[in-house]
C-alpha atoms as a PDB file:
ATOM      1  CA  UNK A   1       0.000   0.000   0.000  1.00  0.00           C
ATOM      2  CA  UNK A   2       1.214   3.485  -0.862  1.00  0.00           C
ATOM      3  CA  UNK A   3       0.454   6.519   1.281  1.00  0.00           C
ATOM      4  CA  UNK A   4       0.777  10.245   0.694  1.00  0.00           C
ATOM      5  CA  UNK A   5       1.302  12.044   4.010  1.00  0.00           C
ATOM      6  CA  UNK A   6       0.873  15.822   3.932  1.00  0.00           C
ATOM      7  CA  UNK A   7       2.386  17.926   6.692  1.00  0.00           C
ATOM      8  CA  UNK A   8       4.951  15.158   7.058  1.00  0.00           C
ATOM      9  CA  UNK A   9       7.612  17.403   8.590  1.00  0.00           C
ATOM     10  CA  UNK A  10       5.350  18.472  11.425  1.00  0.00           C
ATOM     11  CA  UNK A  11       5.063  17.004  14.894  1.00  0.00           C
ATOM     12  CA  UNK A  12       2.331  14.450  14.129  1.00  0.00           C
ATOM     13  CA  UNK A  13       3.474  13.912  10.546  1.00  0.00           C
ATOM     14  CA  UNK A  14       6.858  12.530  11.548  1.00  0.00           C
ATOM     15  CA  UNK A  15       5.263  10.068  13.956  1.00  0.00           C
ATOM     16  CA  UNK A  16       2.752   9.033  11.296  1.00  0.00           C
ATOM     17  CA  UNK A  17       5.418   8.422   8.643  1.00  0.00           C
ATOM     18  CA  UNK A  18       7.307   6.284  11.139  1.00  0.00           C
ATOM     19  CA  UNK A  19       4.123   4.370  12.043  1.00  0.00           C
ATOM     20  CA  UNK A  20       3.258   3.657   8.408  1.00  0.00           C
ATOM     21  CA  UNK A  21       6.763   2.592   7.420  1.00  0.00           C
ATOM     22  CA  UNK A  22       6.819   0.277  10.459  1.00  0.00           C
ATOM     23  CA  UNK A  23       3.759  -1.469   9.005  1.00  0.00           C
ATOM     24  CA  UNK A  24       5.271  -1.803   5.530  1.00  0.00           C
ATOM     25  CA  UNK A  25       3.529   1.109   3.849  1.00  0.00           C
ATOM     26  CA  UNK A  26       5.373   2.828   1.011  1.00  0.00           C
ATOM     27  CA  UNK A  27       5.203   6.498   2.044  1.00  0.00           C
ATOM     28  CA  UNK A  28       5.468   9.616  -0.081  1.00  0.00           C
ATOM     29  CA  UNK A  29       5.915  12.467   2.385  1.00  0.00           C
ATOM     30  CA  UNK A  30       5.244  16.102   1.542  1.00  0.00           C
ATOM     31  CA  UNK A  31       5.429  19.473   3.264  1.00  0.00           C
ATOM     32  CA  UNK A  32       6.105  23.116   2.473  1.00  0.00           C
ATOM     33  CA  UNK A  33       9.801  22.839   3.436  1.00  0.00           C
ATOM     34  CA  UNK A  34      12.412  22.595   0.705  1.00  0.00           C
ATOM     35  CA  UNK A  35      13.907  19.546   2.410  1.00  0.00           C
ATOM     36  CA  UNK A  36      12.846  17.408   5.366  1.00  0.00           C
ATOM     37  CA  UNK A  37      14.451  18.117   8.741  1.00  0.00           C
ATOM     38  CA  UNK A  38      17.086  15.708  10.012  1.00  0.00           C
ATOM     39  CA  UNK A  39      16.323  12.953  12.472  1.00  0.00           C
ATOM     40  CA  UNK A  40      16.246  14.085  16.048  1.00  0.00           C
ATOM     41  CA  UNK A  41      12.954  13.467  17.885  1.00  0.00           C
ATOM     42  CA  UNK A  42      13.972  10.929  20.518  1.00  0.00           C
ATOM     43  CA  UNK A  43      11.169   8.681  21.742  1.00  0.00           C
ATOM     44  CA  UNK A  44      11.646   7.665  25.394  1.00  0.00           C
ATOM     45  CA  UNK A  45      10.626   4.233  26.610  1.00  0.00           C
ATOM     46  CA  UNK A  46      11.059   2.577  23.213  1.00  0.00           C
ATOM     47  CA  UNK A  47      14.723   1.732  23.309  1.00  0.00           C
ATOM     48  CA  UNK A  48      15.313   5.495  23.201  1.00  0.00           C
ATOM     49  CA  UNK A  49      14.956   5.351  19.444  1.00  0.00           C
ATOM     50  CA  UNK A  50      14.947   8.420  17.244  1.00  0.00           C
ATOM     51  CA  UNK A  51      12.399   9.246  14.566  1.00  0.00           C
ATOM     52  CA  UNK A  52      13.972   9.265  11.110  1.00  0.00           C
ATOM     53  CA  UNK A  53      13.337  12.205   8.774  1.00  0.00           C
ATOM     54  CA  UNK A  54      10.338  11.759   6.452  1.00  0.00           C
ATOM     55  CA  UNK A  55      12.709  10.996   3.576  1.00  0.00           C
ATOM     56  CA  UNK A  56      14.575   8.202   5.370  1.00  0.00           C
ATOM     57  CA  UNK A  57      15.553   5.261   3.193  1.00  0.00           C
ATOM     58  CA  UNK A  58      13.594   2.057   3.490  1.00  0.00           C
ATOM     59  CA  UNK A  59      10.003   3.044   2.927  1.00  0.00           C
ATOM     60  CA  UNK A  60       9.594   6.784   2.435  1.00  0.00           C
ATOM     61  CA  UNK A  61      10.473   9.605   0.069  1.00  0.00           C
ATOM     62  CA  UNK A  62       9.984  13.366   0.272  1.00  0.00           C
ATOM     63  CA  UNK A  63       8.574  16.018  -2.063  1.00  0.00           C
ATOM     64  CA  UNK A  64       8.034  19.698  -1.411  1.00  0.00           C
ATOM     65  CA  UNK A  65       4.559  20.976  -2.293  1.00  0.00           C
ATOM     66  CA  UNK A  66       2.415  24.033  -1.598  1.00  0.00           C
ATOM     67  CA  UNK A  67      -1.026  22.436  -1.465  1.00  0.00           C
ATOM     68  CA  UNK A  68      -2.792  25.791  -1.802  1.00  0.00           C
ATOM     69  CA  UNK A  69      -1.501  25.855  -5.401  1.00  0.00           C
ATOM     70  CA  UNK A  70      -3.953  23.572  -7.241  1.00  0.00           C
ATOM     71  CA  UNK A  71      -1.505  22.888 -10.068  1.00  0.00           C
ATOM     72  CA  UNK A  72       1.147  21.711  -7.612  1.00  0.00           C
ATOM     73  CA  UNK A  73      -1.375  19.625  -5.674  1.00  0.00           C
ATOM     74  CA  UNK A  74      -2.551  17.923  -8.877  1.00  0.00           C
ATOM     75  CA  UNK A  75       1.030  17.193  -9.945  1.00  0.00           C
ATOM     76  CA  UNK A  76       1.764  15.700  -6.530  1.00  0.00           C
ATOM     77  CA  UNK A  77      -1.217  13.341  -6.679  1.00  0.00           C
ATOM     78  CA  UNK A  78      -0.391  12.326 -10.238  1.00  0.00           C
ATOM     79  CA  UNK A  79       3.264  11.684  -9.415  1.00  0.00           C
ATOM     80  CA  UNK A  80       2.723   9.723  -6.179  1.00  0.00           C
ATOM     81  CA  UNK A  81      -0.450   7.827  -7.203  1.00  0.00           C
ATOM     82  CA  UNK A  82      -1.321   6.919  -3.586  1.00  0.00           C
ATOM     83  CA  UNK A  83      -3.762   4.342  -2.282  1.00  0.00           C
ATOM     84  CA  UNK A  84      -4.430   6.643   0.674  1.00  0.00           C
ATOM     85  CA  UNK A  85      -3.869  10.306   1.549  1.00  0.00           C
ATOM     86  CA  UNK A  86      -3.288  11.179   5.200  1.00  0.00           C
ATOM     87  CA  UNK A  87      -3.975  14.918   5.182  1.00  0.00           C
ATOM     88  CA  UNK A  88      -2.251  16.487   8.188  1.00  0.00           C
ATOM     89  CA  UNK A  89      -0.918  19.701   6.610  1.00  0.00           C
ATOM     90  CA  UNK A  90      -2.383  22.655   8.501  1.00  0.00           C
ATOM     91  CA  UNK A  91      -1.892  25.787  10.504  1.00  0.00           C
ATOM     92  CA  UNK A  92      -2.570  23.887  13.710  1.00  0.00           C
ATOM     93  CA  UNK A  93      -2.792  26.503  16.475  1.00  0.00           C
ATOM     94  CA  UNK A  94      -6.121  27.966  17.597  1.00  0.00           C
ATOM     95  CA  UNK A  95      -4.267  30.726  19.417  1.00  0.00           C
ATOM     96  CA  UNK A  96      -2.221  31.714  16.363  1.00  0.00           C
ATOM     97  CA  UNK A  97      -5.354  31.787  14.198  1.00  0.00           C
ATOM     98  CA  UNK A  98      -6.597  34.903  16.015  1.00  0.00           C
ATOM     99  CA  UNK A  99      -3.440  36.710  14.856  1.00  0.00           C
ATOM    100  CA  UNK A 100      -3.497  35.297  11.317  1.00  0.00           C
ATOM    101  CA  UNK A 101      -7.050  34.344  10.328  1.00  0.00           C
ATOM    102  CA  UNK A 102      -6.388  34.814   6.599  1.00  0.00           C
ATOM    103  CA  UNK A 103      -3.362  32.521   6.611  1.00  0.00           C
ATOM    104  CA  UNK A 104      -5.178  29.932   8.701  1.00  0.00           C
ATOM    105  CA  UNK A 105      -8.189  29.766   6.394  1.00  0.00           C
ATOM    106  CA  UNK A 106      -6.016  29.739   3.279  1.00  0.00           C
ATOM    107  CA  UNK A 107      -3.764  26.919   4.493  1.00  0.00           C
ATOM    108  CA  UNK A 108      -6.387  24.709   6.076  1.00  0.00           C
ATOM    109  CA  UNK A 109      -9.270  25.061   3.645  1.00  0.00           C
ATOM    110  CA  UNK A 110      -7.674  25.826   0.283  1.00  0.00           C
ATOM    111  CA  UNK A 111      -4.951  23.227   0.838  1.00  0.00           C
ATOM    112  CA  UNK A 112      -7.643  20.606   1.402  1.00  0.00           C
ATOM    113  CA  UNK A 113      -9.596  21.763  -1.634  1.00  0.00           C
ATOM    114  CA  UNK A 114      -6.508  21.468  -3.845  1.00  0.00           C
ATOM    115  CA  UNK A 115      -6.020  17.843  -2.850  1.00  0.00           C
ATOM    116  CA  UNK A 116      -9.690  16.898  -3.176  1.00  0.00           C
ATOM    117  CA  UNK A 117      -9.924  18.448  -6.627  1.00  0.00           C
ATOM    118  CA  UNK A 118      -6.758  16.627  -7.695  1.00  0.00           C
ATOM    119  CA  UNK A 119      -8.226  13.319  -6.534  1.00  0.00           C
ATOM    120  CA  UNK A 120     -11.598  14.025  -8.169  1.00  0.00           C
ATOM    121  CA  UNK A 121      -9.975  14.724 -11.530  1.00  0.00           C
ATOM    122  CA  UNK A 122      -7.666  11.697 -11.403  1.00  0.00           C
ATOM    123  CA  UNK A 123      -9.151   8.366 -12.586  1.00  0.00           C
ATOM    124  CA  UNK A 124      -7.184   6.532  -9.909  1.00  0.00           C
ATOM    125  CA  UNK A 125      -7.828   9.258  -7.335  1.00  0.00           C
ATOM    126  CA  UNK A 126     -11.484   8.312  -7.001  1.00  0.00           C
ATOM    127  CA  UNK A 127     -10.335   5.062  -5.352  1.00  0.00           C
ATOM    128  CA  UNK A 128      -7.872   6.780  -3.006  1.00  0.00           C
ATOM    129  CA  UNK A 129      -8.904   6.842   0.652  1.00  0.00           C
ATOM    130  CA  UNK A 130      -8.724  10.418   1.937  1.00  0.00           C
ATOM    131  CA  UNK A 131      -8.238  10.889   5.706  1.00  0.00           C
ATOM    132  CA  UNK A 132      -9.026  14.495   6.625  1.00  0.00           C
ATOM    133  CA  UNK A 133      -7.648  15.355  10.069  1.00  0.00           C
ATOM    134  CA  UNK A 134      -9.917  17.934  11.656  1.00  0.00           C
ATOM    135  CA  UNK A 135     -10.256  19.060  15.262  1.00  0.00           C
ATOM    136  CA  UNK A 136     -12.339  18.854  18.413  1.00  0.00           C
ATOM    137  CA  UNK A 137     -12.079  22.666  18.488  1.00  0.00           C
ATOM    138  CA  UNK A 138     -15.020  22.575  16.086  1.00  0.00           C
ATOM    139  CA  UNK A 139     -17.371  21.731  18.958  1.00  0.00           C
ATOM    140  CA  UNK A 140     -16.707  25.069  20.655  1.00  0.00           C
ATOM    141  CA  UNK A 141     -17.969  26.099  24.100  1.00  0.00           C
ATOM    142  CA  UNK A 142     -20.251  23.381  25.424  1.00  0.00           C
ATOM    143  CA  UNK A 143     -21.645  22.884  28.937  1.00  0.00           C
ATOM    144  CA  UNK A 144     -20.173  20.156  31.102  1.00  0.00           C
ATOM    145  CA  UNK A 145     -23.470  18.257  31.098  1.00  0.00           C
ATOM    146  CA  UNK A 146     -23.032  17.604  27.357  1.00  0.00           C
ATOM    147  CA  UNK A 147     -19.763  15.751  27.912  1.00  0.00           C
ATOM    148  CA  UNK A 148     -18.560  13.471  26.466  1.00  0.00           C
ATOM    149  CA  UNK A 149     -19.116  14.981  23.046  1.00  0.00           C
ATOM    150  CA  UNK A 150     -20.175  12.609  20.290  1.00  0.00           C
ATOM    151  CA  UNK A 151     -19.808  12.985  16.563  1.00  0.00           C
ATOM    152  CA  UNK A 152     -23.494  13.965  16.350  1.00  0.00           C
ATOM    153  CA  UNK A 153     -22.996  16.900  18.761  1.00  0.00           C
ATOM    154  CA  UNK A 154     -23.459  20.396  17.352  1.00  0.00           C
ATOM    155  CA  UNK A 155     -20.378  22.214  16.146  1.00  0.00           C
ATOM    156  CA  UNK A 156     -20.023  25.828  17.273  1.00  0.00           C
ATOM    157  CA  UNK A 157     -16.442  26.903  16.453  1.00  0.00           C
ATOM    158  CA  UNK A 158     -15.118  29.909  18.373  1.00  0.00           C
ATOM    159  CA  UNK A 159     -11.753  30.535  16.651  1.00  0.00           C
ATOM    160  CA  UNK A 160     -10.688  31.027  13.033  1.00  0.00           C
ATOM    161  CA  UNK A 161      -8.763  27.752  13.350  1.00  0.00           C
ATOM    162  CA  UNK A 162     -11.885  25.894  14.470  1.00  0.00           C
ATOM    163  CA  UNK A 163     -13.907  27.423  11.632  1.00  0.00           C
ATOM    164  CA  UNK A 164     -11.259  26.351   9.114  1.00  0.00           C
ATOM    165  CA  UNK A 165     -11.256  22.796  10.436  1.00  0.00           C
ATOM    166  CA  UNK A 166     -15.051  22.562  10.433  1.00  0.00           C
ATOM    167  CA  UNK A 167     -15.074  23.740   6.827  1.00  0.00           C
ATOM    168  CA  UNK A 168     -12.284  21.301   5.930  1.00  0.00           C
ATOM    169  CA  UNK A 169     -14.188  18.333   7.311  1.00  0.00           C
ATOM    170  CA  UNK A 170     -17.451  19.345   5.653  1.00  0.00           C
ATOM    171  CA  UNK A 171     -15.687  19.882   2.339  1.00  0.00           C
ATOM    172  CA  UNK A 172     -14.151  16.413   2.487  1.00  0.00           C
ATOM    173  CA  UNK A 173     -17.510  14.814   3.265  1.00  0.00           C
ATOM    174  CA  UNK A 174     -19.144  16.777   0.445  1.00  0.00           C
ATOM    175  CA  UNK A 175     -16.601  15.385  -2.014  1.00  0.00           C
ATOM    176  CA  UNK A 176     -17.390  11.938  -0.701  1.00  0.00           C
ATOM    177  CA  UNK A 177     -21.128  12.419  -1.166  1.00  0.00           C
ATOM    178  CA  UNK A 178     -21.086  14.207  -4.501  1.00  0.00           C
ATOM    179  CA  UNK A 179     -18.038  12.699  -6.198  1.00  0.00           C
ATOM    180  CA  UNK A 180     -17.793   9.262  -4.627  1.00  0.00           C
ATOM    181  CA  UNK A 181     -14.402   9.762  -2.980  1.00  0.00           C
ATOM    182  CA  UNK A 182     -13.758   7.340  -0.074  1.00  0.00           C
ATOM    183  CA  UNK A 183     -13.411   9.922   2.689  1.00  0.00           C
ATOM    184  CA  UNK A 184     -12.805   9.625   6.438  1.00  0.00           C
ATOM    185  CA  UNK A 185     -12.866  12.660   8.760  1.00  0.00           C
ATOM    186  CA  UNK A 186     -11.400  12.741  12.249  1.00  0.00           C
ATOM    187  CA  UNK A 187     -12.141  15.250  14.956  1.00  0.00           C
ATOM    188  CA  UNK A 188      -8.934  14.810  16.858  1.00  0.00           C
ATOM    189  CA  UNK A 189      -8.793  15.981  20.461  1.00  0.00           C
ATOM    190  CA  UNK A 190      -5.652  17.206  22.202  1.00  0.00           C
ATOM    191  CA  UNK A 191      -2.491  15.157  21.759  1.00  0.00           C
ATOM    192  CA  UNK A 192       1.117  15.597  22.707  1.00  0.00           C
ATOM    193  CA  UNK A 193       4.466  13.844  22.971  1.00  0.00           C
ATOM    194  CA  UNK A 194       8.218  14.317  22.617  1.00  0.00           C
ATOM    195  CA  UNK A 195       9.062  16.856  19.942  1.00  0.00           C
ATOM    196  CA  UNK A 196       5.896  18.960  20.117  1.00  0.00           C
ATOM    197  CA  UNK A 197       6.422  22.724  19.966  1.00  0.00           C
ATOM    198  CA  UNK A 198       5.968  24.771  23.138  1.00  0.00           C
ATOM    199  CA  UNK A 199       3.430  26.786  21.167  1.00  0.00           C
ATOM    200  CA  UNK A 200       1.009  24.212  22.613  1.00  0.00           C
ATOM    201  CA  UNK A 201      -0.014  24.096  26.247  1.00  0.00           C
ATOM    202  CA  UNK A 202       1.433  20.845  27.660  1.00  0.00           C
ATOM    203  CA  UNK A 203       4.877  21.193  26.044  1.00  0.00           C
ATOM    204  CA  UNK A 204       4.856  24.853  27.129  1.00  0.00           C
ATOM    205  CA  UNK A 205       4.338  23.701  30.714  1.00  0.00           C
ATOM    206  CA  UNK A 206       6.974  20.986  30.316  1.00  0.00           C
ATOM    207  CA  UNK A 207       9.562  23.401  28.948  1.00  0.00           C
ATOM    208  CA  UNK A 208       9.005  26.019  31.654  1.00  0.00           C
ATOM    209  CA  UNK A 209       9.231  23.352  34.367  1.00  0.00           C
ATOM    210  CA  UNK A 210      12.350  21.878  32.781  1.00  0.00           C
ATOM    211  CA  UNK A 211      14.100  25.243  32.815  1.00  0.00           C
ATOM    212  CA  UNK A 212      13.244  25.766  36.479  1.00  0.00           C
ATOM    213  CA  UNK A 213      14.378  22.241  37.403  1.00  0.00           C
ATOM    214  CA  UNK A 214      17.690  22.758  35.589  1.00  0.00           C
ATOM    215  CA  UNK A 215      18.258  26.112  37.326  1.00  0.00           C
ATOM    216  CA  UNK A 216      18.025  28.062  34.068  1.00  0.00           C
ATOM    217  CA  UNK A 217      15.047  30.167  35.243  1.00  0.00           C
ATOM    218  CA  UNK A 218      13.739  31.477  38.517  1.00  0.00           C
ATOM    219  CA  UNK A 219      11.186  29.191  40.279  1.00  0.00           C
ATOM    220  CA  UNK A 220       8.201  30.835  38.605  1.00  0.00           C
ATOM    221  CA  UNK A 221       5.982  29.244  35.949  1.00  0.00           C
ATOM    222  CA  UNK A 222       3.723  31.603  34.019  1.00  0.00           C
ATOM    223  CA  UNK A 223       0.542  30.214  32.482  1.00  0.00           C
ATOM    224  CA  UNK A 224      -2.689  31.102  30.776  1.00  0.00           C
ATOM    225  CA  UNK A 225      -6.007  29.721  32.004  1.00  0.00           C
ATOM    226  CA  UNK A 226      -5.254  26.445  33.795  1.00  0.00           C
ATOM    227  CA  UNK A 227      -8.803  25.812  34.983  1.00  0.00           C
ATOM    228  CA  UNK A 228      -9.859  24.365  31.630  1.00  0.00           C
ATOM    229  CA  UNK A 229     -10.257  20.606  31.146  1.00  0.00           C
ATOM    230  CA  UNK A 230      -9.168  18.775  28.012  1.00  0.00           C
ATOM    231  CA  UNK A 231      -9.112  15.275  26.562  1.00  0.00           C
ATOM    232  CA  UNK A 232      -5.506  14.343  25.739  1.00  0.00           C
ATOM    233  CA  UNK A 233      -3.897  11.399  23.974  1.00  0.00           C
ATOM    234  CA  UNK A 234      -0.282  10.518  23.360  1.00  0.00           C
ATOM    235  CA  UNK A 235       0.658  11.161  19.722  1.00  0.00           C
ATOM    236  CA  UNK A 236       1.703   7.507  19.305  1.00  0.00           C
ATOM    237  CA  UNK A 237      -1.861   6.397  20.022  1.00  0.00           C
ATOM    238  CA  UNK A 238      -3.198   9.031  17.626  1.00  0.00           C
ATOM    239  CA  UNK A 239      -1.154   7.948  14.597  1.00  0.00           C
ATOM    240  CA  UNK A 240      -2.027   4.325  15.267  1.00  0.00           C
ATOM    241  CA  UNK A 241      -5.718   5.281  15.108  1.00  0.00           C
ATOM    242  CA  UNK A 242      -5.162   7.102  11.804  1.00  0.00           C
ATOM    243  CA  UNK A 243      -3.475   4.073  10.265  1.00  0.00           C
ATOM    244  CA  UNK A 244      -6.145   1.670  11.445  1.00  0.00           C
ATOM    245  CA  UNK A 245      -8.974   3.908  10.242  1.00  0.00           C
ATOM    246  CA  UNK A 246      -7.569   3.956   6.736  1.00  0.00           C
ATOM    247  CA  UNK A 247      -6.864   0.235   6.762  1.00  0.00           C
ATOM    248  CA  UNK A 248     -10.241  -0.856   8.102  1.00  0.00           C
ATOM    249  CA  UNK A 249     -12.467   2.076   9.060  1.00  0.00           C
ATOM    250  CA  UNK A 250     -15.838   3.021   7.611  1.00  0.00           C
ATOM    251  CA  UNK A 251     -15.866   5.549   4.785  1.00  0.00           C
ATOM    252  CA  UNK A 252     -17.952   8.717   4.714  1.00  0.00           C
ATOM    253  CA  UNK A 253     -17.995   9.093   8.506  1.00  0.00           C
ATOM    254  CA  UNK A 254     -16.598  11.353  11.230  1.00  0.00           C
ATOM    255  CA  UNK A 255     -14.601   9.829  14.089  1.00  0.00           C
ATOM    256  CA  UNK A 256     -13.561  11.431  17.356  1.00  0.00           C
ATOM    257  CA  UNK A 257      -9.965  10.468  18.127  1.00  0.00           C
ATOM    258  CA  UNK A 258      -9.761  10.906  21.881  1.00  0.00           C
ATOM    259  CA  UNK A 259      -9.214   9.185  25.226  1.00  0.00           C
ATOM    260  CA  UNK A 260     -12.754   9.636  26.528  1.00  0.00           C
ATOM    261  CA  UNK A 261     -11.549  11.201  29.797  1.00  0.00           C
ATOM    262  CA  UNK A 262     -10.677  14.726  30.878  1.00  0.00           C
ATOM    263  CA  UNK A 263      -7.487  16.183  32.319  1.00  0.00           C
ATOM    264  CA  UNK A 264      -7.558  19.606  33.964  1.00  0.00           C
ATOM    265  CA  UNK A 265      -4.560  21.689  32.952  1.00  0.00           C
ATOM    266  CA  UNK A 266      -3.974  22.571  36.603  1.00  0.00           C
ATOM    267  CA  UNK A 267      -3.581  18.854  37.403  1.00  0.00           C
ATOM    268  CA  UNK A 268      -1.220  18.311  34.466  1.00  0.00           C
ATOM    269  CA  UNK A 269       0.903  21.233  35.655  1.00  0.00           C
ATOM    270  CA  UNK A 270       0.959  19.840  39.197  1.00  0.00           C
ATOM    271  CA  UNK A 271       2.309  16.520  37.867  1.00  0.00           C
ATOM    272  CA  UNK A 272       5.116  18.365  36.077  1.00  0.00           C
ATOM    273  CA  UNK A 273       5.825  20.631  39.083  1.00  0.00           C
ATOM    274  CA  UNK A 274       6.181  17.571  41.316  1.00  0.00           C
ATOM    275  CA  UNK A 275       9.424  16.768  39.457  1.00  0.00           C
ATOM    276  CA  UNK A 276      10.973  20.013  40.768  1.00  0.00           C
ATOM    277  CA  UNK A 277      12.482  20.104  44.278  1.00  0.00           C
ATOM    278  CA  UNK A 278      11.396  23.085  46.339  1.00  0.00           C
ATOM    279  CA  UNK A 279       8.568  25.550  45.890  1.00  0.00           C
ATOM    280  CA  UNK A 280       7.609  26.960  42.513  1.00  0.00           C
ATOM    281  CA  UNK A 281       5.278  29.911  42.098  1.00  0.00           C
ATOM    282  CA  UNK A 282       2.554  29.735  39.429  1.00  0.00           C
ATOM    283  CA  UNK A 283       1.479  33.060  37.942  1.00  0.00           C
ATOM    284  CA  UNK A 284      -1.176  33.913  35.355  1.00  0.00           C
ATOM    285  CA  UNK A 285       0.224  35.793  32.359  1.00  0.00           C
ATOM    286  CA  UNK A 286      -2.503  37.858  30.622  1.00  0.00           C
ATOM    287  CA  UNK A 287      -0.574  37.558  27.341  1.00  0.00           C
ATOM    288  CA  UNK A 288      -1.187  33.792  27.399  1.00  0.00           C
ATOM    289  CA  UNK A 289      -4.966  34.074  27.720  1.00  0.00           C
ATOM    290  CA  UNK A 290      -7.085  33.455  24.605  1.00  0.00           C
ATOM    291  CA  UNK A 291      -9.785  35.959  23.542  1.00  0.00           C
ATOM    292  CA  UNK A 292     -12.291  33.095  23.887  1.00  0.00           C
ATOM    293  CA  UNK A 293     -11.552  29.884  25.765  1.00  0.00           C
ATOM    294  CA  UNK A 294     -13.376  26.566  25.963  1.00  0.00           C
ATOM    295  CA  UNK A 295     -13.726  25.533  29.623  1.00  0.00           C
ATOM    296  CA  UNK A 296     -14.215  21.792  29.106  1.00  0.00           C
ATOM    297  CA  UNK A 297     -13.744  19.464  26.130  1.00  0.00           C
ATOM    298  CA  UNK A 298     -14.070  15.697  26.531  1.00  0.00           C
ATOM    299  CA  UNK A 299     -14.940  13.334  23.699  1.00  0.00           C
ATOM    300  CA  UNK A 300     -16.511   9.941  23.274  1.00  0.00           C
ATOM    301  CA  UNK A 301     -14.413   7.390  21.391  1.00  0.00           C
ATOM    302  CA  UNK A 302     -17.153   4.750  21.190  1.00  0.00           C
ATOM    303  CA  UNK A 303     -17.568   5.040  17.426  1.00  0.00           C
ATOM    304  CA  UNK A 304     -13.823   4.795  16.861  1.00  0.00           C
ATOM    305  CA  UNK A 305     -13.454   1.730  19.064  1.00  0.00           C
ATOM    306  CA  UNK A 306     -16.409   0.044  17.369  1.00  0.00           C
ATOM    307  CA  UNK A 307     -14.862   0.620  13.925  1.00  0.00           C
ATOM    308  CA  UNK A 308     -11.267  -0.462  14.590  1.00  0.00           C
ATOM    309  CA  UNK A 309      -9.270  -2.579  17.023  1.00  0.00           C
ATOM    310  CA  UNK A 310      -7.916   0.356  19.026  1.00  0.00           C
ATOM    311  CA  UNK A 311      -7.729   1.742  22.517  1.00  0.00           C
ATOM    312  CA  UNK A 312      -5.254   4.117  24.166  1.00  0.00           C
ATOM    313  CA  UNK A 313      -2.079   2.281  25.181  1.00  0.00           C
ATOM    314  CA  UNK A 314      -0.092   5.139  26.763  1.00  0.00           C
ATOM    315  CA  UNK A 315      -1.481   6.576  30.002  1.00  0.00           C
ATOM    316  CA  UNK A 316      -1.389  10.201  31.115  1.00  0.00           C
ATOM    317  CA  UNK A 317       1.458   9.580  33.559  1.00  0.00           C
ATOM    318  CA  UNK A 318       3.781   8.172  30.918  1.00  0.00           C
ATOM    319  CA  UNK A 319       2.640  10.767  28.374  1.00  0.00           C
ATOM    320  CA  UNK A 320       3.630  13.638  30.687  1.00  0.00           C
ATOM    321  CA  UNK A 321       6.821  11.922  31.886  1.00  0.00           C
ATOM    322  CA  UNK A 322       8.030  11.331  28.325  1.00  0.00           C
ATOM    323  CA  UNK A 323       7.233  14.943  27.436  1.00  0.00           C
ATOM    324  CA  UNK A 324       9.050  16.278  30.505  1.00  0.00           C
ATOM    325  CA  UNK A 325      12.082  14.052  29.922  1.00  0.00           C
ATOM    326  CA  UNK A 326      12.355  15.251  26.325  1.00  0.00           C
ATOM    327  CA  UNK A 327      12.251  18.930  27.278  1.00  0.00           C
ATOM    328  CA  UNK A 328      14.753  18.455  30.099  1.00  0.00           C
ATOM    329  CA  UNK A 329      17.218  16.833  27.700  1.00  0.00           C
ATOM    330  CA  UNK A 330      16.716  19.570  25.135  1.00  0.00           C
ATOM    331  CA  UNK A 331      17.061  22.464  27.601  1.00  0.00           C
ATOM    332  CA  UNK A 332      20.130  20.860  29.180  1.00  0.00           C
ATOM    333  CA  UNK A 333      21.724  20.510  25.749  1.00  0.00           C
ATOM    334  CA  UNK A 334      20.890  24.096  24.784  1.00  0.00           C
ATOM    335  CA  UNK A 335      22.191  25.361  28.111  1.00  0.00           C
END
């Protein structure tokens, strides 16, 4: 089986390429970068192995492509002729989308449209499974009594990012309905792991705690709103779900990819702070607060588990420990 993985140089993309190659997929990786980054994301607890770059020999190759250019997207599909497209390429930060709504919409929606049109116009493309990775942010602000959220729950996006992802998922499903493309849409809840940018909340906590533990910063950790509750998975469980959905999941459906349980950010921070000897002060930084925040977001994974042989294999404790270990090694190396 041959896969095209978009956004392959990103955090999740590199784990997904590694997952697919490990299961004997032939992977064509693509991203906006001129060349893939070198290997370097060390995975703790797995023989301390390191993720190869997306263009590593033995199962994957790399091509640069700007998916918002429909001519380039069509050439990519024609050249790679995939059995499945794993569409991860995105501007992936809800917070950043408030600062750059135009760029977010352009990347997330028009990039998806370029791929779908390329598949629609290709005779072989109509048989290519298209996995569109969307987001739980689409659900928006929902009361606690509605948790866990199911795929049938209303979507009420409250950020430009969430709007772009809702539109992306609906566009993919429309191409499935109207043009017969075998489409799968995920609404993926929070996920993290070694190598994730500190632009996101858990690695931001892990980095700040690492710097305090190593004596590089004063014993103060500044945060945004830590009273929100989120549903988090380890990235290794997420990419396994993506692979299994494409291999055996139902077409034309939306799947929550989530743990089914909530984790309050305050509790996650406390777990990371417990690694630091002595007292550490926690302060709220107004610059880290979003214009609109979602107080609680917990999903149901019943549909996913009914469709594929999957359940989370990495618990919250290991997820946070692996993340903290990675940031401590990186900050120690950077000095």
